[in-house]
Amino acid sequence: MEWWTQIFDAFKQADIRQVVYVPDAGHASLIESCIKDKNMRAIALTTEEEGIAVLSGAWLGGERGVLLMQSSGVGNCINMLSLASTCRFPLAMFVTMRGQWHEFNPWQTAMGQTLDDHLKLAGAQTLTAQTPDDVGPMAAATLAQAFTGDGMSALLLHQRLMPVKTFE
C-alpha cells in the first residue's frame, strides 16, 4: 500500500509548499513524509474547513498548498468551498474515502456515497483513484487542474486503497 508515495512525488513536482490536514490513518504515511520534508510546511488543523482559509492565505502569499482529509471532513467544508469558488484561488484536495468498500461504520456511508456529487455541485472537478496505478497520474492531474485553472479539484482515494477498518 505505497500508493501515497506517488502523491508525495506529485507534490514535489508541483512545488507544493504547504500541506494542511486533519490527522487521518489513510493519509498517515503521506503526512509523515510531508512533515519530514524541509521544503514543505505541514500544518495540523482542528477542522477541515480551516484548511481552506489557510490555503487561501498561502496562495495570496505566493505559495502552493494542498488539503488532505477524509471524506467525512468534506461535509464540514461545504460552506467554506464558496471562498475558493468566489475568490477563484486554486484549491487542491486529496480525500481518503469512507462509506464505500468494506465500510464498518454506517455513519460514514451517506457522505461517502454522495461526496462526488457534493464536490461537483460546489464547483470542484473530481477524479477517483481506485487502484494504486491510478494514483500517480491522477494526483498530477488534480494539481494541474487546480493550479493552472485557479479552481477547485479533488482526488478521491477509493476505500479499496486503504486497509479494511473495523471497530476493534
N, C-alpha and C. Protein backbone atom coordinates (compact mmCIF):
# COMPACT_ATOMS: atom_id res chain seq x y z
N MET A 1 0.83 -1.20 0.00
CA MET A 1 0.00 0.00 0.00
C MET A 1 0.88 1.26 0.00
N GLU A 2 1.76 1.36 -0.95
CA GLU A 2 2.67 2.51 -1.04
C GLU A 2 2.21 3.53 -2.07
N TRP A 3 0.94 3.53 -2.43
CA TRP A 3 0.40 4.46 -3.42
C TRP A 3 0.63 5.92 -3.02
N TRP A 4 0.69 6.20 -1.74
CA TRP A 4 0.84 7.57 -1.25
C TRP A 4 2.15 8.20 -1.73
N THR A 5 3.18 7.37 -2.01
CA THR A 5 4.46 7.93 -2.47
C THR A 5 4.28 8.65 -3.81
N GLN A 6 3.33 8.19 -4.61
CA GLN A 6 3.07 8.84 -5.89
C GLN A 6 2.46 10.23 -5.69
N ILE A 7 1.64 10.37 -4.67
CA ILE A 7 1.08 11.68 -4.35
C ILE A 7 2.19 12.60 -3.86
N PHE A 8 3.04 12.09 -2.99
CA PHE A 8 4.15 12.90 -2.48
C PHE A 8 5.05 13.36 -3.63
N ASP A 9 5.35 12.46 -4.56
CA ASP A 9 6.15 12.84 -5.73
C ASP A 9 5.46 13.93 -6.56
N ALA A 10 4.14 13.82 -6.71
CA ALA A 10 3.40 14.84 -7.45
C ALA A 10 3.46 16.18 -6.72
N PHE A 11 3.41 16.16 -5.39
CA PHE A 11 3.55 17.40 -4.61
C PHE A 11 4.90 18.05 -4.89
N LYS A 12 5.94 17.24 -4.90
CA LYS A 12 7.29 17.78 -5.15
C LYS A 12 7.38 18.38 -6.55
N GLN A 13 6.84 17.67 -7.54
CA GLN A 13 6.87 18.15 -8.92
C GLN A 13 6.09 19.45 -9.08
N ALA A 14 5.02 19.62 -8.33
CA ALA A 14 4.17 20.81 -8.43
C ALA A 14 4.60 21.94 -7.49
N ASP A 15 5.71 21.75 -6.79
CA ASP A 15 6.25 22.76 -5.87
C ASP A 15 5.26 23.11 -4.75
N ILE A 16 4.63 22.09 -4.18
CA ILE A 16 3.73 22.29 -3.04
C ILE A 16 4.58 22.64 -1.83
N ARG A 17 4.24 23.74 -1.17
CA ARG A 17 4.99 24.22 -0.01
C ARG A 17 4.23 24.07 1.30
N GLN A 18 2.89 24.03 1.24
CA GLN A 18 2.11 23.89 2.45
C GLN A 18 1.12 22.73 2.30
N VAL A 19 1.10 21.88 3.31
CA VAL A 19 0.20 20.73 3.35
C VAL A 19 -0.60 20.85 4.64
N VAL A 20 -1.90 21.06 4.49
CA VAL A 20 -2.75 21.19 5.67
C VAL A 20 -3.60 19.93 5.79
N TYR A 21 -3.85 19.50 7.01
CA TYR A 21 -4.50 18.20 7.21
C TYR A 21 -5.14 18.09 8.58
N VAL A 22 -6.16 17.27 8.65
CA VAL A 22 -6.66 16.74 9.91
C VAL A 22 -6.11 15.32 9.97
N PRO A 23 -5.50 14.91 11.08
CA PRO A 23 -4.92 13.57 11.13
C PRO A 23 -5.90 12.50 10.64
N ASP A 24 -5.38 11.59 9.82
CA ASP A 24 -6.19 10.56 9.19
C ASP A 24 -5.30 9.35 8.93
N ALA A 25 -5.76 8.18 9.32
CA ALA A 25 -4.96 6.96 9.13
C ALA A 25 -4.66 6.71 7.66
N GLY A 26 -5.59 7.01 6.76
CA GLY A 26 -5.37 6.79 5.34
C GLY A 26 -4.26 7.65 4.77
N HIS A 27 -4.07 8.83 5.32
CA HIS A 27 -3.03 9.75 4.86
C HIS A 27 -1.78 9.72 5.75
N ALA A 28 -1.73 8.85 6.76
CA ALA A 28 -0.68 8.90 7.79
C ALA A 28 0.74 8.91 7.22
N SER A 29 1.04 8.02 6.30
CA SER A 29 2.40 7.96 5.75
C SER A 29 2.72 9.20 4.91
N LEU A 30 1.74 9.67 4.15
CA LEU A 30 1.92 10.88 3.35
C LEU A 30 2.15 12.08 4.26
N ILE A 31 1.35 12.21 5.30
CA ILE A 31 1.50 13.31 6.25
C ILE A 31 2.89 13.27 6.88
N GLU A 32 3.31 12.11 7.31
CA GLU A 32 4.62 11.98 7.95
C GLU A 32 5.75 12.40 7.01
N SER A 33 5.65 12.03 5.74
CA SER A 33 6.67 12.43 4.77
C SER A 33 6.67 13.94 4.55
N CYS A 34 5.49 14.54 4.53
CA CYS A 34 5.40 15.99 4.37
C CYS A 34 5.99 16.71 5.58
N ILE A 35 5.75 16.18 6.78
CA ILE A 35 6.32 16.77 7.99
C ILE A 35 7.85 16.73 7.94
N LYS A 36 8.40 15.64 7.46
CA LYS A 36 9.86 15.47 7.41
C LYS A 36 10.53 16.28 6.31
N ASP A 37 9.79 16.66 5.28
CA ASP A 37 10.37 17.38 4.14
C ASP A 37 10.66 18.83 4.53
N LYS A 38 11.90 19.24 4.36
CA LYS A 38 12.31 20.58 4.76
C LYS A 38 11.76 21.68 3.85
N ASN A 39 11.27 21.32 2.68
CA ASN A 39 10.71 22.31 1.75
C ASN A 39 9.20 22.44 1.84
N MET A 40 8.59 21.69 2.76
CA MET A 40 7.15 21.75 2.95
C MET A 40 6.85 22.12 4.39
N ARG A 41 5.76 22.81 4.55
CA ARG A 41 5.26 23.09 5.90
C ARG A 41 3.97 22.31 6.07
N ALA A 42 3.96 21.36 6.99
CA ALA A 42 2.78 20.55 7.28
C ALA A 42 2.06 21.18 8.48
N ILE A 43 0.79 21.46 8.31
CA ILE A 43 0.03 22.17 9.33
C ILE A 43 -1.17 21.32 9.75
N ALA A 44 -1.18 20.90 11.01
CA ALA A 44 -2.32 20.14 11.53
C ALA A 44 -3.46 21.11 11.84
N LEU A 45 -4.66 20.70 11.47
CA LEU A 45 -5.86 21.52 11.66
C LEU A 45 -6.74 20.91 12.74
N THR A 46 -7.61 21.72 13.31
CA THR A 46 -8.61 21.17 14.23
C THR A 46 -9.88 20.80 13.47
N THR A 47 -10.16 21.48 12.36
CA THR A 47 -11.28 21.15 11.49
C THR A 47 -10.85 21.37 10.04
N GLU A 48 -11.44 20.62 9.15
CA GLU A 48 -11.05 20.66 7.75
C GLU A 48 -11.29 22.02 7.10
N GLU A 49 -12.37 22.70 7.48
CA GLU A 49 -12.67 23.97 6.82
C GLU A 49 -11.61 25.03 7.10
N GLU A 50 -10.88 24.90 8.21
CA GLU A 50 -9.76 25.81 8.47
C GLU A 50 -8.73 25.73 7.35
N GLY A 51 -8.59 24.55 6.78
CA GLY A 51 -7.60 24.35 5.72
C GLY A 51 -7.85 25.22 4.50
N ILE A 52 -9.11 25.46 4.18
CA ILE A 52 -9.42 26.30 3.03
C ILE A 52 -8.95 27.72 3.28
N ALA A 53 -9.18 28.23 4.48
CA ALA A 53 -8.72 29.57 4.83
C ALA A 53 -7.19 29.64 4.82
N VAL A 54 -6.53 28.65 5.39
CA VAL A 54 -5.07 28.63 5.41
C VAL A 54 -4.52 28.62 3.98
N LEU A 55 -5.11 27.81 3.12
CA LEU A 55 -4.61 27.72 1.75
C LEU A 55 -4.90 28.98 0.93
N SER A 56 -5.98 29.69 1.26
CA SER A 56 -6.20 30.97 0.58
C SER A 56 -5.08 31.95 0.95
N GLY A 57 -4.69 31.96 2.21
CA GLY A 57 -3.57 32.80 2.64
C GLY A 57 -2.25 32.38 2.02
N ALA A 58 -2.05 31.07 1.91
CA ALA A 58 -0.83 30.58 1.27
C ALA A 58 -0.75 31.07 -0.17
N TRP A 59 -1.85 30.97 -0.89
CA TRP A 59 -1.88 31.40 -2.30
C TRP A 59 -1.62 32.90 -2.40
N LEU A 60 -2.26 33.68 -1.54
CA LEU A 60 -2.03 35.13 -1.55
C LEU A 60 -0.58 35.47 -1.21
N GLY A 61 0.04 34.60 -0.42
CA GLY A 61 1.45 34.79 -0.06
C GLY A 61 2.42 34.20 -1.06
N GLY A 62 1.91 33.64 -2.14
CA GLY A 62 2.78 33.14 -3.20
C GLY A 62 3.18 31.68 -3.09
N GLU A 63 2.51 30.92 -2.25
CA GLU A 63 2.85 29.51 -2.11
C GLU A 63 1.68 28.61 -2.49
N ARG A 64 2.04 27.46 -3.01
CA ARG A 64 1.04 26.43 -3.34
C ARG A 64 0.86 25.50 -2.15
N GLY A 65 -0.38 25.10 -1.94
CA GLY A 65 -0.66 24.17 -0.86
C GLY A 65 -1.76 23.20 -1.24
N VAL A 66 -1.92 22.18 -0.42
CA VAL A 66 -2.95 21.16 -0.62
C VAL A 66 -3.62 20.85 0.72
N LEU A 67 -4.86 20.34 0.62
CA LEU A 67 -5.64 19.95 1.78
C LEU A 67 -5.83 18.44 1.75
N LEU A 68 -5.42 17.77 2.83
CA LEU A 68 -5.61 16.33 2.98
C LEU A 68 -6.71 16.11 4.01
N MET A 69 -7.68 15.26 3.66
CA MET A 69 -8.76 14.98 4.60
C MET A 69 -9.47 13.69 4.23
N GLN A 70 -10.33 13.26 5.12
CA GLN A 70 -11.18 12.10 4.91
C GLN A 70 -12.51 12.58 4.34
N SER A 71 -13.24 11.71 3.67
CA SER A 71 -14.49 12.11 3.01
C SER A 71 -15.48 12.76 3.98
N SER A 72 -15.54 12.29 5.20
CA SER A 72 -16.47 12.90 6.16
C SER A 72 -16.10 14.35 6.44
N GLY A 73 -14.84 14.70 6.32
CA GLY A 73 -14.39 16.07 6.53
C GLY A 73 -14.84 17.03 5.45
N VAL A 74 -15.10 16.51 4.25
CA VAL A 74 -15.59 17.37 3.18
C VAL A 74 -16.94 17.96 3.58
N GLY A 75 -17.75 17.19 4.28
CA GLY A 75 -19.04 17.70 4.74
C GLY A 75 -18.87 18.93 5.61
N ASN A 76 -17.79 18.98 6.38
CA ASN A 76 -17.52 20.15 7.22
C ASN A 76 -17.14 21.37 6.39
N CYS A 77 -16.70 21.15 5.16
CA CYS A 77 -16.14 22.22 4.32
C CYS A 77 -17.12 22.83 3.33
N ILE A 78 -18.30 22.28 3.19
CA ILE A 78 -19.18 22.69 2.10
C ILE A 78 -19.35 24.21 2.05
N ASN A 79 -19.65 24.86 3.15
CA ASN A 79 -19.81 26.32 3.13
C ASN A 79 -18.51 27.04 2.79
N MET A 80 -17.38 26.56 3.29
CA MET A 80 -16.10 27.22 3.04
C MET A 80 -15.63 27.07 1.60
N LEU A 81 -16.13 26.07 0.89
CA LEU A 81 -15.73 25.92 -0.51
C LEU A 81 -16.14 27.14 -1.33
N SER A 82 -17.15 27.88 -0.87
CA SER A 82 -17.54 29.10 -1.58
C SER A 82 -16.43 30.14 -1.56
N LEU A 83 -15.55 30.12 -0.56
CA LEU A 83 -14.42 31.05 -0.53
C LEU A 83 -13.51 30.82 -1.73
N ALA A 84 -13.14 29.57 -1.97
CA ALA A 84 -12.29 29.26 -3.11
C ALA A 84 -13.01 29.54 -4.42
N SER A 85 -14.27 29.21 -4.49
CA SER A 85 -15.05 29.41 -5.70
C SER A 85 -15.21 30.90 -6.03
N THR A 86 -15.61 31.68 -5.05
CA THR A 86 -15.85 33.10 -5.26
C THR A 86 -14.56 33.86 -5.53
N CYS A 87 -13.52 33.55 -4.79
CA CYS A 87 -12.25 34.27 -4.94
C CYS A 87 -11.35 33.69 -6.02
N ARG A 88 -11.75 32.57 -6.59
CA ARG A 88 -11.02 31.91 -7.68
C ARG A 88 -9.55 31.68 -7.35
N PHE A 89 -9.29 31.13 -6.18
CA PHE A 89 -7.92 30.68 -5.91
C PHE A 89 -7.89 29.17 -6.00
N PRO A 90 -6.74 28.62 -6.37
CA PRO A 90 -6.67 27.16 -6.54
C PRO A 90 -6.81 26.44 -5.20
N LEU A 91 -7.55 25.37 -5.23
CA LEU A 91 -7.73 24.52 -4.04
C LEU A 91 -7.63 23.08 -4.49
N ALA A 92 -6.56 22.42 -4.11
CA ALA A 92 -6.35 21.00 -4.43
C ALA A 92 -6.60 20.19 -3.18
N MET A 93 -7.53 19.23 -3.28
CA MET A 93 -7.91 18.41 -2.13
C MET A 93 -7.62 16.94 -2.45
N PHE A 94 -7.09 16.24 -1.46
CA PHE A 94 -6.82 14.81 -1.57
C PHE A 94 -7.60 14.14 -0.45
N VAL A 95 -8.59 13.32 -0.85
CA VAL A 95 -9.61 12.85 0.07
C VAL A 95 -9.58 11.32 0.16
N THR A 96 -9.30 10.80 1.36
CA THR A 96 -9.44 9.36 1.58
C THR A 96 -10.91 9.08 1.83
N MET A 97 -11.43 8.10 1.11
CA MET A 97 -12.87 7.84 1.13
C MET A 97 -13.26 6.88 2.25
N ARG A 98 -14.46 7.10 2.75
CA ARG A 98 -15.14 6.20 3.68
C ARG A 98 -16.52 5.94 3.11
N GLY A 99 -17.25 5.01 3.67
CA GLY A 99 -18.60 4.72 3.23
C GLY A 99 -18.68 3.93 1.94
N GLN A 100 -17.59 3.28 1.56
CA GLN A 100 -17.55 2.51 0.32
C GLN A 100 -17.22 1.06 0.65
N TRP A 101 -16.15 0.61 0.10
CA TRP A 101 -15.64 -0.75 0.17
C TRP A 101 -15.43 -1.21 1.61
N HIS A 102 -16.14 -2.20 2.06
CA HIS A 102 -15.99 -2.81 3.40
C HIS A 102 -16.14 -1.80 4.53
N GLU A 103 -17.00 -0.82 4.38
CA GLU A 103 -17.21 0.15 5.45
C GLU A 103 -17.90 -0.53 6.63
N PHE A 104 -17.37 -0.31 7.81
CA PHE A 104 -17.95 -0.91 9.02
C PHE A 104 -18.81 0.09 9.80
N ASN A 105 -18.66 1.37 9.52
CA ASN A 105 -19.33 2.40 10.29
C ASN A 105 -20.46 3.02 9.45
N PRO A 106 -21.71 2.73 9.78
CA PRO A 106 -22.82 3.25 8.96
C PRO A 106 -22.89 4.77 8.91
N TRP A 107 -22.31 5.46 9.87
CA TRP A 107 -22.33 6.93 9.88
C TRP A 107 -21.48 7.50 8.74
N GLN A 108 -20.59 6.71 8.19
CA GLN A 108 -19.73 7.18 7.11
C GLN A 108 -20.38 7.04 5.73
N THR A 109 -21.44 6.26 5.63
CA THR A 109 -21.99 5.89 4.33
C THR A 109 -22.60 7.07 3.57
N ALA A 110 -23.38 7.90 4.21
CA ALA A 110 -24.08 8.98 3.49
C ALA A 110 -23.11 9.89 2.75
N MET A 111 -22.11 10.40 3.42
CA MET A 111 -21.16 11.30 2.76
C MET A 111 -20.30 10.53 1.76
N GLY A 112 -19.91 9.32 2.12
CA GLY A 112 -19.08 8.52 1.20
C GLY A 112 -19.79 8.24 -0.12
N GLN A 113 -21.08 8.01 -0.07
CA GLN A 113 -21.83 7.69 -1.28
C GLN A 113 -22.19 8.92 -2.11
N THR A 114 -22.20 10.11 -1.52
CA THR A 114 -22.64 11.31 -2.23
C THR A 114 -21.55 12.36 -2.40
N LEU A 115 -20.36 12.08 -1.94
CA LEU A 115 -19.28 13.08 -1.92
C LEU A 115 -18.98 13.66 -3.29
N ASP A 116 -18.85 12.82 -4.29
CA ASP A 116 -18.53 13.30 -5.63
C ASP A 116 -19.57 14.33 -6.08
N ASP A 117 -20.84 14.04 -5.86
CA ASP A 117 -21.91 14.97 -6.24
C ASP A 117 -21.80 16.29 -5.47
N HIS A 118 -21.52 16.22 -4.17
CA HIS A 118 -21.39 17.43 -3.36
C HIS A 118 -20.26 18.32 -3.89
N LEU A 119 -19.12 17.70 -4.17
CA LEU A 119 -17.99 18.49 -4.66
C LEU A 119 -18.27 19.11 -6.02
N LYS A 120 -18.89 18.36 -6.90
CA LYS A 120 -19.22 18.90 -8.23
C LYS A 120 -20.22 20.04 -8.12
N LEU A 121 -21.22 19.91 -7.26
CA LEU A 121 -22.18 21.00 -7.07
C LEU A 121 -21.51 22.25 -6.51
N ALA A 122 -20.45 22.08 -5.74
CA ALA A 122 -19.71 23.22 -5.18
C ALA A 122 -18.75 23.83 -6.21
N GLY A 123 -18.59 23.17 -7.36
CA GLY A 123 -17.74 23.72 -8.41
C GLY A 123 -16.39 23.05 -8.56
N ALA A 124 -16.17 21.95 -7.87
CA ALA A 124 -14.88 21.26 -7.96
C ALA A 124 -14.88 20.23 -9.08
N GLN A 125 -13.72 20.06 -9.69
CA GLN A 125 -13.51 18.95 -10.61
C GLN A 125 -13.02 17.78 -9.76
N THR A 126 -13.48 16.58 -10.06
CA THR A 126 -13.09 15.42 -9.27
C THR A 126 -12.55 14.30 -10.14
N LEU A 127 -11.63 13.57 -9.57
CA LEU A 127 -11.13 12.32 -10.13
C LEU A 127 -11.18 11.29 -9.00
N THR A 128 -11.34 10.02 -9.35
CA THR A 128 -11.35 8.96 -8.34
C THR A 128 -10.30 7.91 -8.69
N ALA A 129 -9.34 7.72 -7.80
CA ALA A 129 -8.32 6.69 -7.95
C ALA A 129 -8.83 5.43 -7.26
N GLN A 130 -8.99 4.35 -8.03
CA GLN A 130 -9.47 3.10 -7.46
C GLN A 130 -8.38 2.06 -7.29
N THR A 131 -7.27 2.22 -8.01
CA THR A 131 -6.16 1.28 -7.91
C THR A 131 -4.87 2.06 -7.68
N PRO A 132 -3.84 1.42 -7.14
CA PRO A 132 -2.56 2.12 -6.96
C PRO A 132 -2.01 2.71 -8.26
N ASP A 133 -2.26 2.05 -9.40
CA ASP A 133 -1.77 2.58 -10.68
C ASP A 133 -2.45 3.87 -11.08
N ASP A 134 -3.65 4.13 -10.57
CA ASP A 134 -4.36 5.37 -10.88
C ASP A 134 -3.78 6.58 -10.14
N VAL A 135 -3.17 6.35 -8.99
CA VAL A 135 -2.86 7.43 -8.06
C VAL A 135 -1.89 8.46 -8.64
N GLY A 136 -0.76 8.05 -9.15
CA GLY A 136 0.24 9.00 -9.63
C GLY A 136 -0.27 9.93 -10.71
N PRO A 137 -0.78 9.37 -11.83
CA PRO A 137 -1.27 10.25 -12.88
C PRO A 137 -2.44 11.13 -12.43
N MET A 138 -3.31 10.60 -11.59
CA MET A 138 -4.46 11.39 -11.14
C MET A 138 -4.05 12.46 -10.13
N ALA A 139 -3.03 12.19 -9.32
CA ALA A 139 -2.52 13.21 -8.39
C ALA A 139 -1.95 14.39 -9.19
N ALA A 140 -1.15 14.09 -10.21
CA ALA A 140 -0.59 15.15 -11.05
C ALA A 140 -1.70 15.93 -11.76
N ALA A 141 -2.71 15.23 -12.26
CA ALA A 141 -3.82 15.89 -12.95
C ALA A 141 -4.62 16.77 -11.99
N THR A 142 -4.83 16.32 -10.77
CA THR A 142 -5.56 17.11 -9.78
C THR A 142 -4.83 18.41 -9.48
N LEU A 143 -3.51 18.33 -9.31
CA LEU A 143 -2.72 19.53 -9.06
C LEU A 143 -2.73 20.47 -10.26
N ALA A 144 -2.61 19.91 -11.45
CA ALA A 144 -2.63 20.74 -12.66
C ALA A 144 -3.99 21.43 -12.82
N GLN A 145 -5.08 20.71 -12.56
CA GLN A 145 -6.42 21.31 -12.67
C GLN A 145 -6.54 22.50 -11.72
N ALA A 146 -6.05 22.36 -10.51
CA ALA A 146 -6.17 23.43 -9.52
C ALA A 146 -5.28 24.62 -9.88
N PHE A 147 -4.01 24.35 -10.16
CA PHE A 147 -3.06 25.44 -10.26
C PHE A 147 -2.95 26.06 -11.65
N THR A 148 -3.42 25.40 -12.68
CA THR A 148 -3.42 26.06 -13.99
C THR A 148 -4.75 26.73 -14.26
N GLY A 149 -5.82 26.28 -13.61
CA GLY A 149 -7.13 26.86 -13.85
C GLY A 149 -7.65 27.71 -12.72
N ASP A 150 -6.86 27.89 -11.65
CA ASP A 150 -7.30 28.64 -10.47
C ASP A 150 -8.68 28.19 -10.02
N GLY A 151 -8.85 26.89 -9.90
CA GLY A 151 -10.13 26.33 -9.49
C GLY A 151 -9.97 25.29 -8.41
N MET A 152 -11.06 24.63 -8.10
CA MET A 152 -11.05 23.56 -7.10
C MET A 152 -10.96 22.22 -7.79
N SER A 153 -10.13 21.35 -7.26
CA SER A 153 -10.05 19.99 -7.77
C SER A 153 -9.84 19.05 -6.59
N ALA A 154 -10.31 17.83 -6.75
CA ALA A 154 -10.19 16.85 -5.67
C ALA A 154 -9.86 15.49 -6.26
N LEU A 155 -8.92 14.82 -5.64
CA LEU A 155 -8.65 13.41 -5.95
C LEU A 155 -9.25 12.60 -4.82
N LEU A 156 -10.24 11.79 -5.18
CA LEU A 156 -10.89 10.91 -4.22
C LEU A 156 -10.16 9.58 -4.24
N LEU A 157 -9.62 9.19 -3.12
CA LEU A 157 -8.84 7.97 -2.99
C LEU A 157 -9.76 6.87 -2.47
N HIS A 158 -10.19 6.01 -3.38
CA HIS A 158 -11.20 4.99 -3.07
C HIS A 158 -10.80 4.17 -1.84
N GLN A 159 -11.80 3.74 -1.13
CA GLN A 159 -11.57 2.98 0.10
C GLN A 159 -10.82 1.67 -0.15
N ARG A 160 -10.83 1.18 -1.38
CA ARG A 160 -10.07 -0.04 -1.69
C ARG A 160 -8.56 0.15 -1.49
N LEU A 161 -8.10 1.39 -1.54
CA LEU A 161 -6.68 1.66 -1.37
C LEU A 161 -6.24 1.58 0.09
N MET A 162 -7.19 1.62 1.01
CA MET A 162 -6.90 1.62 2.45
C MET A 162 -7.07 0.21 3.03
N PRO A 163 -6.38 -0.05 4.11
CA PRO A 163 -6.65 -1.31 4.80
C PRO A 163 -8.11 -1.31 5.30
N VAL A 164 -8.72 -2.47 5.34
CA VAL A 164 -10.08 -2.59 5.84
C VAL A 164 -10.09 -2.20 7.31
N LYS A 165 -11.01 -1.30 7.68
CA LYS A 165 -11.09 -0.80 9.06
C LYS A 165 -12.19 -1.55 9.80
N THR A 166 -12.00 -1.68 11.11
CA THR A 166 -13.00 -2.29 11.96
C THR A 166 -13.10 -1.48 13.25
N PHE A 167 -14.10 -1.77 14.07
CA PHE A 167 -14.24 -1.12 15.35
C PHE A 167 -13.17 -1.59 16.35
N GLU A 168 -12.52 -2.68 16.05
CA GLU A 168 -11.56 -3.26 17.02
C GLU A 168 -10.22 -2.63 16.93
